[in-house]
């Protein structure tokens, strides 16, 4: 991704985690049930410690923490997508990345949150996502 990421909390999330999420959801020929099984399979292989670790704490500390980046965060993003509606989530995400690219904006957690909330995501759903990640 060639866009700037200013917020340290989101470098792991918007680096490898979202790439893994998007690759699974968009580039594999699977329906949402198959996608759910794929994410659940990897998430269920995590230790309890890895499940509890926040993706926001991982930038520059990959190595043994990479399971959180590659398994937990994509699983949580999928759960969030299911929570607000998979098609709605994917549409908002596509618009967000288009906006970032065409406006040459910096990715931050705050503008990601604001964009999703301006497209109908509730404070309650957003808090669920942040807490789960």
Foldseek 3Di string as FASTA:
>chain_A
DPAAADALQCCLVVPQQVVLLCCLVPVDPDDLVVSLVVLCVLQVPDDPVLQQDRSSPCVVNCDVNVSNSNRQSSNLVSVLCVVVPVVLSVVLVVVVVVCCVVVSDHDYPVVSVVSVVVSPDDPVSVVSSNNSD
